[in-house]
Protein backbone atom coordinates (compact mmCIF):
# COMPACT_ATOMS: atom_id res chain seq x y z
CA MET A 1 -0.29 0.37 -0.13
CA LYS A 2 0.98 3.62 -0.71
CA PHE A 3 1.93 6.15 1.98
CA PRO A 4 -1.13 8.46 1.02
CA GLU A 5 -3.59 5.40 0.85
CA TYR A 6 -2.03 3.82 4.09
CA LEU A 7 -2.35 7.43 6.06
CA GLY A 8 -5.98 7.65 4.41
CA SER A 9 -6.92 4.43 5.68
CA ILE A 10 -5.68 5.32 9.36
CA LEU A 11 -7.74 8.42 9.13
CA ALA A 12 -10.98 6.66 8.19
CA SER A 13 -10.40 4.38 11.08
CA LEU A 14 -9.99 6.94 13.45
CA ALA A 15 -13.16 8.66 11.81
CA GLY A 16 -15.17 5.38 12.47
CA LEU A 17 -14.13 5.03 16.00
CA THR A 18 -16.85 6.20 19.10
CA CYS A 19 -14.20 6.64 21.81
CA ARG A 20 -14.50 8.69 25.25
CA SER A 21 -10.82 9.75 25.45
CA GLY A 22 -10.37 11.73 22.92
CA VAL A 23 -10.49 9.96 19.57
CA ALA A 24 -13.13 12.51 18.31
CA GLY A 25 -10.69 15.00 18.90
CA VAL A 26 -8.42 14.05 16.48
CA VAL A 27 -10.98 13.43 14.12
CA ASP A 28 -12.09 17.31 14.52
CA VAL A 29 -8.11 17.99 13.49
CA PHE A 30 -7.89 15.84 10.30
CA TYR A 31 -11.60 16.76 9.21
CA PRO A 32 -12.23 20.71 10.15
CA PRO A 33 -14.35 21.14 6.81
CA LEU A 34 -17.35 18.83 8.58
CA CYS A 35 -19.83 20.33 10.86
CA LEU A 36 -18.73 18.61 13.79
CA ILE A 37 -22.93 17.64 14.53
CA CYS A 38 -24.68 16.70 11.32
CA GLN A 39 -21.05 16.00 9.41
CA ARG A 40 -21.75 18.29 6.41
CA PRO A 41 -19.81 21.27 5.30
CA PRO A 42 -20.23 24.09 7.42
CA THR A 43 -21.46 27.17 5.36
CA GLY A 44 -19.07 29.79 7.14
CA SER A 45 -14.91 29.60 6.93
CA GLY A 46 -13.66 28.36 10.12
CA GLU A 47 -17.01 27.60 11.72
CA ARG A 48 -17.63 23.93 13.57
CA VAL A 49 -21.33 24.08 13.26
CA CYS A 50 -22.96 24.67 10.37
CA ALA A 51 -25.64 27.21 10.02
CA PRO A 52 -28.51 24.96 9.77
CA CYS A 53 -27.24 23.15 13.16
CA ARG A 54 -26.65 26.58 14.72
CA SER A 55 -30.26 27.93 14.10
CA ALA A 56 -31.80 25.03 15.32
CA MET A 57 -30.45 25.85 18.78
CA PRO A 58 -33.45 27.85 20.20
CA ALA A 59 -32.14 30.95 22.21
CA VAL A 60 -33.73 31.38 25.10
CA ASP A 61 -34.41 35.41 26.30
CA PRO A 62 -34.93 36.96 29.56
CA SER A 63 -38.74 37.18 29.08
CA HIS A 64 -38.89 33.27 28.22
CA HIS A 65 -41.36 31.61 30.95
CA VAL A 66 -38.95 28.40 31.50
CA ARG A 67 -35.88 30.69 32.26
CA ARG A 68 -38.12 32.59 34.19
CA GLU A 69 -39.01 29.71 36.44
CA ALA A 70 -35.40 28.46 36.47
CA GLU A 71 -34.52 31.67 37.45
CA ALA A 72 -36.87 31.61 40.42
CA ARG A 73 -35.69 28.50 41.38
CA LEU A 74 -32.06 29.41 41.76
CA MET A 75 -32.13 32.68 43.22
CA SER A 76 -35.27 31.92 45.67
CA ASP A 77 -33.12 31.92 49.01
CA GLY A 78 -30.28 34.68 47.53
CA THR A 79 -27.37 31.77 47.43
CA VAL A 80 -27.56 32.33 43.96
CA GLY A 81 -27.10 36.14 42.51
CA GLY A 82 -27.73 35.50 39.05
CA PHE A 83 -28.58 33.12 35.98
CA LEU A 84 -27.52 33.51 32.45
CA PRO A 85 -28.21 30.56 29.90
CA LEU A 86 -27.98 30.73 26.40
CA PHE A 87 -30.31 28.55 24.86
CA LEU A 88 -33.43 26.25 25.82
CA PHE A 89 -33.07 22.40 25.94
CA GLU A 90 -35.40 20.48 23.97
CA LYS A 91 -35.43 16.43 24.04
CA GLU A 92 -34.28 14.82 20.79
CA GLY A 93 -33.26 18.05 19.49
CA THR A 94 -29.84 19.42 17.51
CA LEU A 95 -28.71 20.95 21.05
CA GLN A 96 -29.20 17.94 22.97
CA GLN A 97 -27.32 16.09 20.17
CA ALA A 98 -24.46 18.53 20.59
CA LEU A 99 -24.40 18.11 24.04
CA HIS A 100 -24.24 14.81 23.93
CA LEU A 101 -21.22 14.43 21.37
CA MET A 102 -19.29 17.16 24.06
CA LYS A 103 -20.14 15.24 26.91
CA TYR A 104 -19.66 11.40 25.62
CA SER A 105 -17.90 11.56 22.25
CA GLY A 106 -14.84 13.68 22.90
CA MET A 107 -15.66 16.66 20.99
CA HIS A 108 -14.22 18.88 23.15
CA SER A 109 -13.93 21.65 20.79
CA LEU A 110 -18.00 22.12 20.96
CA GLY A 111 -17.60 22.86 24.69
CA VAL A 112 -14.76 25.53 23.92
CA MET A 113 -17.28 27.08 21.20
CA PHE A 114 -20.34 27.23 23.46
CA GLY A 115 -17.95 28.73 26.00
CA ARG A 116 -17.13 31.54 23.87
CA GLU A 117 -20.66 32.51 23.10
CA MET A 118 -21.23 32.14 26.76
CA GLY A 119 -18.30 34.53 27.23
CA ALA A 120 -19.41 37.17 24.41
CA ARG A 121 -22.78 37.10 26.30
CA MET A 122 -21.26 37.67 30.03
CA VAL A 123 -19.36 40.57 28.88
CA SER A 124 -22.53 42.61 27.65
CA GLN A 125 -24.17 41.65 30.75
CA PRO A 126 -22.48 44.21 33.56
CA GLU A 127 -23.00 41.95 36.65
CA TYR A 128 -21.08 39.10 34.94
CA ASP A 129 -18.26 41.25 33.50
CA ALA A 130 -17.48 42.46 36.76
CA ALA A 131 -17.07 39.02 38.11
CA ASP A 132 -13.98 37.75 39.54
CA CYS A 133 -13.42 34.24 38.46
CA LEU A 134 -15.41 31.01 36.79
CA VAL A 135 -15.82 27.66 38.50
CA GLN A 136 -16.87 24.49 36.75
CA VAL A 137 -19.23 22.07 38.09
CA PRO A 138 -16.91 19.52 39.12
CA LEU A 139 -16.98 15.37 38.11
CA HIS A 140 -16.24 12.84 40.69
CA PRO A 141 -12.75 11.62 40.07
CA ALA A 142 -14.32 8.16 39.29
CA ARG A 143 -16.60 9.61 36.40
CA LEU A 144 -13.61 11.98 35.47
CA ARG A 145 -11.52 8.87 34.59
CA GLU A 146 -14.52 7.34 32.52
CA ARG A 147 -15.12 10.30 30.64
CA GLY A 148 -11.51 11.47 30.50
CA TYR A 149 -12.74 15.43 30.73
CA ASN A 150 -15.11 17.96 32.31
CA GLN A 151 -17.32 19.08 29.98
CA SER A 152 -17.84 22.08 31.98
CA GLU A 153 -14.16 22.85 32.35
CA ARG A 154 -14.02 23.30 28.37
CA ILE A 155 -16.95 25.90 28.47
CA CYS A 156 -14.81 27.68 31.58
CA ALA A 157 -12.00 27.63 28.68
CA GLY A 158 -13.84 28.73 25.94
CA ILE A 159 -15.40 31.60 28.59
CA GLY A 160 -12.22 32.37 29.39
CA GLU A 161 -10.48 33.18 26.03
CA VAL A 162 -13.35 35.63 25.61
CA THR A 163 -13.24 37.46 29.20
CA GLY A 164 -9.93 36.67 30.41
CA LYS A 165 -11.64 35.26 33.52
CA PRO A 166 -9.45 32.83 35.74
CA VAL A 167 -10.63 29.33 35.79
CA LEU A 168 -10.26 28.15 39.42
CA THR A 169 -9.96 24.39 38.61
CA GLY A 170 -9.53 22.05 41.79
CA THR A 171 -11.31 24.76 44.17
CA LEU A 172 -14.62 22.95 44.00
CA LEU A 173 -14.45 19.39 44.60
CA ARG A 174 -16.98 16.24 44.26
CA THR A 175 -16.76 14.24 47.15
CA ARG A 176 -19.43 11.37 46.55
CA ASN A 177 -20.14 9.82 42.97
CA THR A 178 -24.16 10.58 42.95
CA PRO A 179 -26.12 8.67 40.82
CA SER A 180 -27.52 10.10 37.70
CA GLN A 181 -30.05 12.95 38.34
CA THR A 182 -32.05 12.35 35.01
CA ALA A 183 -34.54 9.92 36.57
CA LEU A 184 -34.61 11.55 39.92
CA LYS A 185 -37.44 14.06 41.37
CA LEU A 186 -36.75 17.44 42.74
CA HIS A 187 -36.76 16.34 46.22
CA GLU A 188 -34.43 13.27 45.55
CA ARG A 189 -31.87 15.54 43.25
CA GLU A 190 -31.79 17.44 46.15
CA ASN A 191 -31.13 14.44 48.71
CA ASN A 192 -28.77 13.05 46.02
CA VAL A 193 -25.98 16.07 46.00
CA LYS A 194 -26.50 17.10 49.63
CA GLY A 195 -23.49 17.64 50.99
CA ALA A 196 -21.62 15.89 47.76
CA PHE A 197 -19.27 18.90 47.07
CA ARG A 198 -16.22 20.72 49.43
CA VAL A 199 -13.60 23.18 49.04
CA PRO A 200 -10.42 21.79 49.57
CA LYS A 201 -8.34 23.23 52.66
CA GLY A 202 -6.50 26.53 51.70
CA ARG A 203 -8.46 27.18 48.38
CA GLU A 204 -10.77 29.23 50.37
CA LYS A 205 -8.32 31.98 50.02
CA LEU A 206 -8.80 31.88 46.32
CA LEU A 207 -12.95 32.47 46.90
CA ARG A 208 -12.91 34.66 49.81
CA GLY A 209 -14.73 38.49 48.47
CA LYS A 210 -15.06 37.13 45.22
CA SER A 211 -18.04 37.17 42.83
CA VAL A 212 -17.72 33.73 41.12
CA VAL A 213 -19.57 32.49 38.08
CA LEU A 214 -20.73 28.77 38.19
CA VAL A 215 -20.64 27.18 35.06
CA ASP A 216 -22.51 23.82 33.91
CA ASP A 217 -23.89 22.75 30.79
CA VAL A 218 -27.80 21.96 31.69
CA MET A 219 -29.66 23.39 34.07
CA THR A 220 -32.94 20.98 34.79
CA THR A 221 -34.02 21.53 38.52
CA GLY A 222 -31.05 23.15 39.64
CA ALA A 223 -30.33 21.03 42.52
CA THR A 224 -26.51 20.62 41.63
CA LEU A 225 -25.99 24.56 40.79
CA LEU A 226 -27.94 25.24 44.13
CA ALA A 227 -25.44 22.39 46.34
CA CYS A 228 -22.31 24.00 44.81
CA ALA A 229 -23.38 27.58 45.13
CA ALA A 230 -24.12 26.83 48.79
CA THR A 231 -20.79 25.40 49.01
CA LEU A 232 -18.94 28.27 47.28
CA ARG A 233 -20.66 30.60 49.51
CA ALA A 234 -19.74 28.84 52.41
CA ALA A 235 -15.89 29.06 51.90
CA GLY A 236 -15.98 32.79 51.39
CA ALA A 237 -17.50 33.58 47.94
CA ARG A 238 -19.13 37.08 48.06
CA SER A 239 -21.81 36.06 45.30
CA VAL A 240 -22.29 33.50 42.74
CA LEU A 241 -23.94 33.54 39.43
CA VAL A 242 -25.01 30.76 37.48
CA ALA A 243 -24.41 30.54 33.50
CA THR A 244 -25.11 27.47 31.76
CA ILE A 245 -25.39 26.27 27.80
CA ALA A 246 -28.77 25.46 28.19
CA VAL A 247 -31.88 25.81 30.57
CA ALA A 248 -34.43 22.55 30.60
CA ASP A 249 -38.33 22.85 30.76
CA ARG A 250 -39.06 20.30 33.81
CA THR A 251 -42.78 19.98 32.46
CA SER A 252 -41.30 18.39 29.10
């Protein structure tokens, strides 16, 4: 086999693999012309998601009832001082497909892409623009080993590129490998994450008196975000603002 054919066969093999440890990221490098979601050529130069896929992700503005209800849940007791989502999460929709690729198929670049968009939105929001640092919702070490990376950390990386805000990796830890929240009811989710997070000794000084943006991919009930925010506040954070790529309608 000639070298070009040999190289082509290797790339084709990589393209056909589904791997959690970054093979899809290698495919991203060698196949940049294709949309990461639908595998069609994007319309814009340098874009990683084509225009039809991007337009299929519904934005959620401050007047949307799902956003208002989520904001009320998060901010009801003063633990969280603000909520900023980009999109409305729809089951079986394009955004769900993108988030699934980001979380489970090694598409790191989607997380960074979403983070850059979130960063651009944050700089237009005075409270978020004035925040001191970013903290991602953490994964338990066992799940991090299984998945290979934390998708929320990749989102933070994209936000940091745009805003220049530091990402305080390792400042918030998950101490229990809690079961998936997907099938749990609200009170079950709250109990599931109660006491599941901590700030390591010595890291409190990074949070003391700071305004923190807590970053995750999707808000559903808000139980995880509230547990994280309460932990950050108890460690000395002056305020905690929440930023997520999507917010889900709990009634759907």
